[in-house]
Amino acid sequence: MDIPRRLIELQRAVEAADNRYRNNAGENATVALAVWSDATAALVQGITAYAAEQGVPRREVESALARAMRPPLPLD
């Protein structure tokens, strides 16, 4: 399954927000958590919409996105 660039960008935004949250404390962590929450909600909404457009289960899109986010295997 081809994954649209917008879903890959949303996934990267979630990962970046997660990293910021984990590396902050106090008030900064609260702000980072809010950013992560918003990014996660946008990703879920994007995945759900794409699954509906394609007529496939959301889990299938989530799995395809996870595969798309894995780094490529090195060539021997």
PDB file of N, CA and C in Angstrom:
ATOM      1  N   MET A   1       0.844  -1.165   0.000  1.00  0.00           N
ATOM      2  CA  MET A   1       0.000   0.000   0.000  1.00  0.00           C
ATOM      3  C   MET A   1       0.896   1.236   0.000  1.00  0.00           C
ATOM      4  N   ASP A   2       0.585   2.169  -0.881  1.00  0.00           N
ATOM      5  CA  ASP A   2       1.302   3.440  -0.911  1.00  0.00           C
ATOM      6  C   ASP A   2       0.778   4.325   0.219  1.00  0.00           C
ATOM      7  N   ILE A   3       1.698   4.931   0.917  1.00  0.00           N
ATOM      8  CA  ILE A   3       1.342   5.831   2.016  1.00  0.00           C
ATOM      9  C   ILE A   3       1.579   7.260   1.549  1.00  0.00           C
ATOM     10  N   PRO A   4       0.583   8.126   1.671  1.00  0.00           N
ATOM     11  CA  PRO A   4       0.766   9.507   1.254  1.00  0.00           C
ATOM     12  C   PRO A   4       1.816  10.227   2.112  1.00  0.00           C
ATOM     13  N   ARG A   5       2.495  11.153   1.488  1.00  0.00           N
ATOM     14  CA  ARG A   5       3.529  11.924   2.174  1.00  0.00           C
ATOM     15  C   ARG A   5       2.966  12.620   3.419  1.00  0.00           C
ATOM     16  N   ARG A   6       1.721  13.071   3.359  1.00  0.00           N
ATOM     17  CA  ARG A   6       1.148  13.786   4.509  1.00  0.00           C
ATOM     18  C   ARG A   6       1.092  12.902   5.756  1.00  0.00           C
ATOM     19  N   LEU A   7       0.845  11.601   5.576  1.00  0.00           N
ATOM     20  CA  LEU A   7       0.824  10.704   6.734  1.00  0.00           C
ATOM     21  C   LEU A   7       2.233  10.480   7.275  1.00  0.00           C
ATOM     22  N   ILE A   8       3.196  10.381   6.387  1.00  0.00           N
ATOM     23  CA  ILE A   8       4.592  10.221   6.829  1.00  0.00           C
ATOM     24  C   ILE A   8       5.029  11.471   7.586  1.00  0.00           C
ATOM     25  N   GLU A   9       4.657  12.644   7.081  1.00  0.00           N
ATOM     26  CA  GLU A   9       5.013  13.889   7.764  1.00  0.00           C
ATOM     27  C   GLU A   9       4.318  13.987   9.125  1.00  0.00           C
ATOM     28  N   LEU A  10       3.072  13.556   9.199  1.00  0.00           N
ATOM     29  CA  LEU A  10       2.377  13.563  10.488  1.00  0.00           C
ATOM     30  C   LEU A  10       3.041  12.606  11.473  1.00  0.00           C
ATOM     31  N   GLN A  11       3.457  11.441  11.000  1.00  0.00           N
ATOM     32  CA  GLN A  11       4.140  10.474  11.871  1.00  0.00           C
ATOM     33  C   GLN A  11       5.461  11.057  12.367  1.00  0.00           C
ATOM     34  N   ARG A  12       6.186  11.720  11.496  1.00  0.00           N
ATOM     35  CA  ARG A  12       7.454  12.349  11.909  1.00  0.00           C
ATOM     36  C   ARG A  12       7.197  13.446  12.941  1.00  0.00           C
ATOM     37  N   ALA A  13       6.112  14.184  12.775  1.00  0.00           N
ATOM     38  CA  ALA A  13       5.776  15.232  13.742  1.00  0.00           C
ATOM     39  C   ALA A  13       5.471  14.623  15.106  1.00  0.00           C
ATOM     40  N   VAL A  14       4.773  13.501  15.130  1.00  0.00           N
ATOM     41  CA  VAL A  14       4.482  12.817  16.389  1.00  0.00           C
ATOM     42  C   VAL A  14       5.783  12.352  17.046  1.00  0.00           C
ATOM     43  N   GLU A  15       6.676  11.773  16.264  1.00  0.00           N
ATOM     44  CA  GLU A  15       7.944  11.296  16.813  1.00  0.00           C
ATOM     45  C   GLU A  15       8.783  12.448  17.360  1.00  0.00           C
ATOM     46  N   ALA A  16       8.823  13.564  16.622  1.00  0.00           N
ATOM     47  CA  ALA A  16       9.583  14.724  17.084  1.00  0.00           C
ATOM     48  C   ALA A  16       8.978  15.281  18.375  1.00  0.00           C
ATOM     49  N   ALA A  17       7.652  15.360  18.436  1.00  0.00           N
ATOM     50  CA  ALA A  17       6.989  15.860  19.637  1.00  0.00           C
ATOM     51  C   ALA A  17       7.229  14.926  20.821  1.00  0.00           C
ATOM     52  N   ASP A  18       7.234  13.632  20.571  1.00  0.00           N
ATOM     53  CA  ASP A  18       7.506  12.662  21.620  1.00  0.00           C
ATOM     54  C   ASP A  18       8.921  12.847  22.170  1.00  0.00           C
ATOM     55  N   ASN A  19       9.877  13.050  21.279  1.00  0.00           N
ATOM     56  CA  ASN A  19      11.260  13.272  21.708  1.00  0.00           C
ATOM     57  C   ASN A  19      11.383  14.550  22.542  1.00  0.00           C
ATOM     58  N   ARG A  20      10.713  15.615  22.103  1.00  0.00           N
ATOM     59  CA  ARG A  20      10.746  16.865  22.865  1.00  0.00           C
ATOM     60  C   ARG A  20      10.135  16.669  24.255  1.00  0.00           C
ATOM     61  N   TYR A  21       9.031  15.948  24.314  1.00  0.00           N
ATOM     62  CA  TYR A  21       8.375  15.704  25.601  1.00  0.00           C
ATOM     63  C   TYR A  21       9.295  14.926  26.535  1.00  0.00           C
ATOM     64  N   ARG A  22       9.920  13.899  26.032  1.00  0.00           N
ATOM     65  CA  ARG A  22      10.778  13.051  26.867  1.00  0.00           C
ATOM     66  C   ARG A  22      12.023  13.784  27.355  1.00  0.00           C
ATOM     67  N   ASN A  23      12.435  14.824  26.640  1.00  0.00           N
ATOM     68  CA  ASN A  23      13.664  15.538  26.995  1.00  0.00           C
ATOM     69  C   ASN A  23      13.407  16.859  27.717  1.00  0.00           C
ATOM     70  N   ASN A  24      12.191  17.070  28.198  1.00  0.00           N
ATOM     71  CA  ASN A  24      11.849  18.297  28.909  1.00  0.00           C
ATOM     72  C   ASN A  24      11.302  17.969  30.280  1.00  0.00           C
ATOM     73  N   ALA A  25      11.258  18.988  31.113  1.00  0.00           N
ATOM     74  CA  ALA A  25      10.707  18.822  32.458  1.00  0.00           C
ATOM     75  C   ALA A  25       9.894  20.064  32.807  1.00  0.00           C
ATOM     76  N   GLY A  26       9.033  19.930  33.787  1.00  0.00           N
ATOM     77  CA  GLY A  26       8.265  21.054  34.278  1.00  0.00           C
ATOM     78  C   GLY A  26       7.317  21.625  33.247  1.00  0.00           C
ATOM     79  N   GLU A  27       7.286  22.952  33.175  1.00  0.00           N
ATOM     80  CA  GLU A  27       6.365  23.639  32.276  1.00  0.00           C
ATOM     81  C   GLU A  27       6.656  23.300  30.814  1.00  0.00           C
ATOM     82  N   ASN A  28       7.934  23.165  30.477  1.00  0.00           N
ATOM     83  CA  ASN A  28       8.276  22.800  29.108  1.00  0.00           C
ATOM     84  C   ASN A  28       7.706  21.443  28.730  1.00  0.00           C
ATOM     85  N   ALA A  29       7.702  20.517  29.671  1.00  0.00           N
ATOM     86  CA  ALA A  29       7.148  19.191  29.406  1.00  0.00           C
ATOM     87  C   ALA A  29       5.644  19.277  29.192  1.00  0.00           C
ATOM     88  N   THR A  30       4.977  20.148  29.922  1.00  0.00           N
ATOM     89  CA  THR A  30       3.529  20.318  29.766  1.00  0.00           C
ATOM     90  C   THR A  30       3.202  20.833  28.367  1.00  0.00           C
ATOM     91  N   VAL A  31       3.966  21.804  27.912  1.00  0.00           N
ATOM     92  CA  VAL A  31       3.770  22.339  26.557  1.00  0.00           C
ATOM     93  C   VAL A  31       4.079  21.260  25.527  1.00  0.00           C
ATOM     94  N   ALA A  32       5.175  20.535  25.728  1.00  0.00           N
ATOM     95  CA  ALA A  32       5.561  19.474  24.793  1.00  0.00           C
ATOM     96  C   ALA A  32       4.502  18.377  24.741  1.00  0.00           C
ATOM     97  N   LEU A  33       3.901  18.071  25.888  1.00  0.00           N
ATOM     98  CA  LEU A  33       2.843  17.058  25.920  1.00  0.00           C
ATOM     99  C   LEU A  33       1.629  17.524  25.120  1.00  0.00           C
ATOM    100  N   ALA A  34       1.295  18.786  25.225  1.00  0.00           N
ATOM    101  CA  ALA A  34       0.164  19.325  24.455  1.00  0.00           C
ATOM    102  C   ALA A  34       0.455  19.251  22.957  1.00  0.00           C
ATOM    103  N   VAL A  35       1.684  19.562  22.573  1.00  0.00           N
ATOM    104  CA  VAL A  35       2.065  19.481  21.155  1.00  0.00           C
ATOM    105  C   VAL A  35       1.989  18.035  20.684  1.00  0.00           C
ATOM    106  N   TRP A  36       2.490  17.107  21.503  1.00  0.00           N
ATOM    107  CA  TRP A  36       2.438  15.682  21.149  1.00  0.00           C
ATOM    108  C   TRP A  36       0.986  15.229  21.001  1.00  0.00           C
ATOM    109  N   SER A  37       0.145  15.656  21.927  1.00  0.00           N
ATOM    110  CA  SER A  37      -1.266  15.268  21.884  1.00  0.00           C
ATOM    111  C   SER A  37      -1.931  15.763  20.602  1.00  0.00           C
ATOM    112  N   ASP A  38      -1.686  17.004  20.247  1.00  0.00           N
ATOM    113  CA  ASP A  38      -2.252  17.559  19.010  1.00  0.00           C
ATOM    114  C   ASP A  38      -1.728  16.822  17.778  1.00  0.00           C
ATOM    115  N   ALA A  39      -0.429  16.538  17.774  1.00  0.00           N
ATOM    116  CA  ALA A  39       0.168  15.838  16.631  1.00  0.00           C
ATOM    117  C   ALA A  39      -0.403  14.427  16.502  1.00  0.00           C
ATOM    118  N   THR A  40      -0.576  13.754  17.638  1.00  0.00           N
ATOM    119  CA  THR A  40      -1.131  12.402  17.630  1.00  0.00           C
ATOM    120  C   THR A  40      -2.573  12.406  17.137  1.00  0.00           C
ATOM    121  N   ALA A  41      -3.341  13.381  17.580  1.00  0.00           N
ATOM    122  CA  ALA A  41      -4.739  13.482  17.134  1.00  0.00           C
ATOM    123  C   ALA A  41      -4.809  13.726  15.631  1.00  0.00           C
ATOM    124  N   ALA A  42      -3.921  14.573  15.119  1.00  0.00           N
ATOM    125  CA  ALA A  42      -3.899  14.842  13.680  1.00  0.00           C
ATOM    126  C   ALA A  42      -3.516  13.582  12.904  1.00  0.00           C
ATOM    127  N   LEU A  43      -2.568  12.818  13.427  1.00  0.00           N
ATOM    128  CA  LEU A  43      -2.159  11.575  12.766  1.00  0.00           C
ATOM    129  C   LEU A  43      -3.304  10.569  12.740  1.00  0.00           C
ATOM    130  N   VAL A  44      -3.971  10.388  13.861  1.00  0.00           N
ATOM    131  CA  VAL A  44      -5.100   9.443  13.924  1.00  0.00           C
ATOM    132  C   VAL A  44      -6.186   9.866  12.943  1.00  0.00           C
ATOM    133  N   GLN A  45      -6.477  11.154  12.910  1.00  0.00           N
ATOM    134  CA  GLN A  45      -7.487  11.658  11.983  1.00  0.00           C
ATOM    135  C   GLN A  45      -7.060  11.412  10.531  1.00  0.00           C
ATOM    136  N   GLY A  46      -5.791  11.654  10.229  1.00  0.00           N
ATOM    137  CA  GLY A  46      -5.294  11.424   8.873  1.00  0.00           C
ATOM    138  C   GLY A  46      -5.350   9.961   8.473  1.00  0.00           C
ATOM    139  N   ILE A  47      -4.958   9.085   9.392  1.00  0.00           N
ATOM    140  CA  ILE A  47      -4.996   7.642   9.117  1.00  0.00           C
ATOM    141  C   ILE A  47      -6.438   7.187   8.901  1.00  0.00           C
ATOM    142  N   THR A  48      -7.328   7.645   9.752  1.00  0.00           N
ATOM    143  CA  THR A  48      -8.736   7.260   9.640  1.00  0.00           C
ATOM    144  C   THR A  48      -9.333   7.723   8.317  1.00  0.00           C
ATOM    145  N   ALA A  49      -9.037   8.957   7.932  1.00  0.00           N
ATOM    146  CA  ALA A  49      -9.557   9.497   6.667  1.00  0.00           C
ATOM    147  C   ALA A  49      -8.992   8.725   5.476  1.00  0.00           C
ATOM    148  N   TYR A  50      -7.693   8.435   5.506  1.00  0.00           N
ATOM    149  CA  TYR A  50      -7.083   7.717   4.389  1.00  0.00           C
ATOM    150  C   TYR A  50      -7.638   6.294   4.290  1.00  0.00           C
ATOM    151  N   ALA A  51      -7.825   5.650   5.426  1.00  0.00           N
ATOM    152  CA  ALA A  51      -8.398   4.296   5.425  1.00  0.00           C
ATOM    153  C   ALA A  51      -9.798   4.323   4.818  1.00  0.00           C
ATOM    154  N   ALA A  52     -10.580   5.329   5.169  1.00  0.00           N
ATOM    155  CA  ALA A  52     -11.933   5.438   4.604  1.00  0.00           C
ATOM    156  C   ALA A  52     -11.875   5.694   3.101  1.00  0.00           C
ATOM    157  N   GLU A  53     -10.956   6.565   2.669  1.00  0.00           N
ATOM    158  CA  GLU A  53     -10.801   6.846   1.224  1.00  0.00           C
ATOM    159  C   GLU A  53     -10.442   5.581   0.452  1.00  0.00           C
ATOM    160  N   GLN A  54      -9.571   4.769   1.048  1.00  0.00           N
ATOM    161  CA  GLN A  54      -9.088   3.564   0.377  1.00  0.00           C
ATOM    162  C   GLN A  54     -10.008   2.365   0.576  1.00  0.00           C
ATOM    163  N   GLY A  55     -10.924   2.463   1.519  1.00  0.00           N
ATOM    164  CA  GLY A  55     -11.827   1.352   1.797  1.00  0.00           C
ATOM    165  C   GLY A  55     -11.140   0.171   2.463  1.00  0.00           C
ATOM    166  N   VAL A  56     -10.159   0.482   3.319  1.00  0.00           N
ATOM    167  CA  VAL A  56      -9.417  -0.564   4.029  1.00  0.00           C
ATOM    168  C   VAL A  56      -9.513  -0.296   5.526  1.00  0.00           C
ATOM    169  N   PRO A  57      -9.271  -1.323   6.343  1.00  0.00           N
ATOM    170  CA  PRO A  57      -9.278  -1.107   7.792  1.00  0.00           C
ATOM    171  C   PRO A  57      -8.153  -0.156   8.217  1.00  0.00           C
ATOM    172  N   ARG A  58      -8.426   0.610   9.250  1.00  0.00           N
ATOM    173  CA  ARG A  58      -7.425   1.556   9.756  1.00  0.00           C
ATOM    174  C   ARG A  58      -6.139   0.844  10.145  1.00  0.00           C
ATOM    175  N   ARG A  59      -6.266  -0.341  10.726  1.00  0.00           N
ATOM    176  CA  ARG A  59      -5.085  -1.117  11.140  1.00  0.00           C
ATOM    177  C   ARG A  59      -4.158  -1.398   9.965  1.00  0.00           C
ATOM    178  N   GLU A  60      -4.735  -1.622   8.799  1.00  0.00           N
ATOM    179  CA  GLU A  60      -3.925  -1.889   7.607  1.00  0.00           C
ATOM    180  C   GLU A  60      -3.090  -0.656   7.245  1.00  0.00           C
ATOM    181  N   VAL A  61      -3.701   0.505   7.339  1.00  0.00           N
ATOM    182  CA  VAL A  61      -2.976   1.755   7.054  1.00  0.00           C
ATOM    183  C   VAL A  61      -1.900   1.972   8.113  1.00  0.00           C
ATOM    184  N   GLU A  62      -2.220   1.730   9.379  1.00  0.00           N
ATOM    185  CA  GLU A  62      -1.239   1.885  10.449  1.00  0.00           C
ATOM    186  C   GLU A  62      -0.034   0.973  10.229  1.00  0.00           C
ATOM    187  N   SER A  63      -0.281  -0.267   9.836  1.00  0.00           N
ATOM    188  CA  SER A  63       0.811  -1.207   9.583  1.00  0.00           C
ATOM    189  C   SER A  63       1.657  -0.765   8.391  1.00  0.00           C
ATOM    190  N   ALA A  64       1.000  -0.306   7.348  1.00  0.00           N
ATOM    191  CA  ALA A  64       1.727   0.159   6.165  1.00  0.00           C
ATOM    192  C   ALA A  64       2.559   1.395   6.496  1.00  0.00           C
ATOM    193  N   LEU A  65       2.022   2.272   7.318  1.00  0.00           N
ATOM    194  CA  LEU A  65       2.765   3.463   7.732  1.00  0.00           C
ATOM    195  C   LEU A  65       3.984   3.062   8.560  1.00  0.00           C
ATOM    196  N   ALA A  66       3.816   2.126   9.465  1.00  0.00           N
ATOM    197  CA  ALA A  66       4.946   1.651  10.275  1.00  0.00           C
ATOM    198  C   ALA A  66       6.042   1.077   9.383  1.00  0.00           C
ATOM    199  N   ARG A  67       5.648   0.315   8.364  1.00  0.00           N
ATOM    200  CA  ARG A  67       6.643  -0.238   7.432  1.00  0.00           C
ATOM    201  C   ARG A  67       7.323   0.877   6.649  1.00  0.00           C
ATOM    202  N   ALA A  68       6.564   1.879   6.248  1.00  0.00           N
ATOM    203  CA  ALA A  68       7.126   2.997   5.477  1.00  0.00           C
ATOM    204  C   ALA A  68       8.111   3.820   6.307  1.00  0.00           C
ATOM    205  N   MET A  69       7.931   3.834   7.612  1.00  0.00           N
ATOM    206  CA  MET A  69       8.796   4.623   8.484  1.00  0.00           C
ATOM    207  C   MET A  69      10.082   3.895   8.853  1.00  0.00           C
ATOM    208  N   ARG A  70      10.147   2.610   8.614  1.00  0.00           N
ATOM    209  CA  ARG A  70      11.377   1.871   8.941  1.00  0.00           C
ATOM    210  C   ARG A  70      12.489   2.302   8.002  1.00  0.00           C
ATOM    211  N   PRO A  71      13.705   2.409   8.543  1.00  0.00           N
ATOM    212  CA  PRO A  71      14.815   2.751   7.655  1.00  0.00           C
ATOM    213  C   PRO A  71      15.058   1.622   6.658  1.00  0.00           C
ATOM    214  N   PRO A  72      15.483   1.956   5.459  1.00  0.00           N
ATOM    215  CA  PRO A  72      15.738   0.908   4.464  1.00  0.00           C
ATOM    216  C   PRO A  72      16.905   0.017   4.915  1.00  0.00           C
ATOM    217  N   LEU A  73      16.811  -1.226   4.530  1.00  0.00           N
ATOM    218  CA  LEU A  73      17.890  -2.168   4.840  1.00  0.00           C
ATOM    219  C   LEU A  73      19.091  -1.862   3.944  1.00  0.00           C
ATOM    220  N   PRO A  74      20.286  -1.939   4.498  1.00  0.00           N
ATOM    221  CA  PRO A  74      21.473  -1.670   3.670  1.00  0.00           C
ATOM    222  C   PRO A  74      21.647  -2.773   2.621  1.00  0.00           C
ATOM    223  N   LEU A  75      22.120  -2.364   1.480  1.00  0.00           N
ATOM    224  CA  LEU A  75      22.400  -3.328   0.412  1.00  0.00           C
ATOM    225  C   LEU A  75      23.788  -3.914   0.632  1.00  0.00           C
ATOM    226  N   ASP A  76      23.896  -5.209   0.402  1.00  0.00           N
ATOM    227  CA  ASP A  76      25.207  -5.866   0.577  1.00  0.00           C
ATOM    228  C   ASP A  76      26.112  -5.597  -0.589  1.00  0.00           C
TER     229      ASP A  76
END
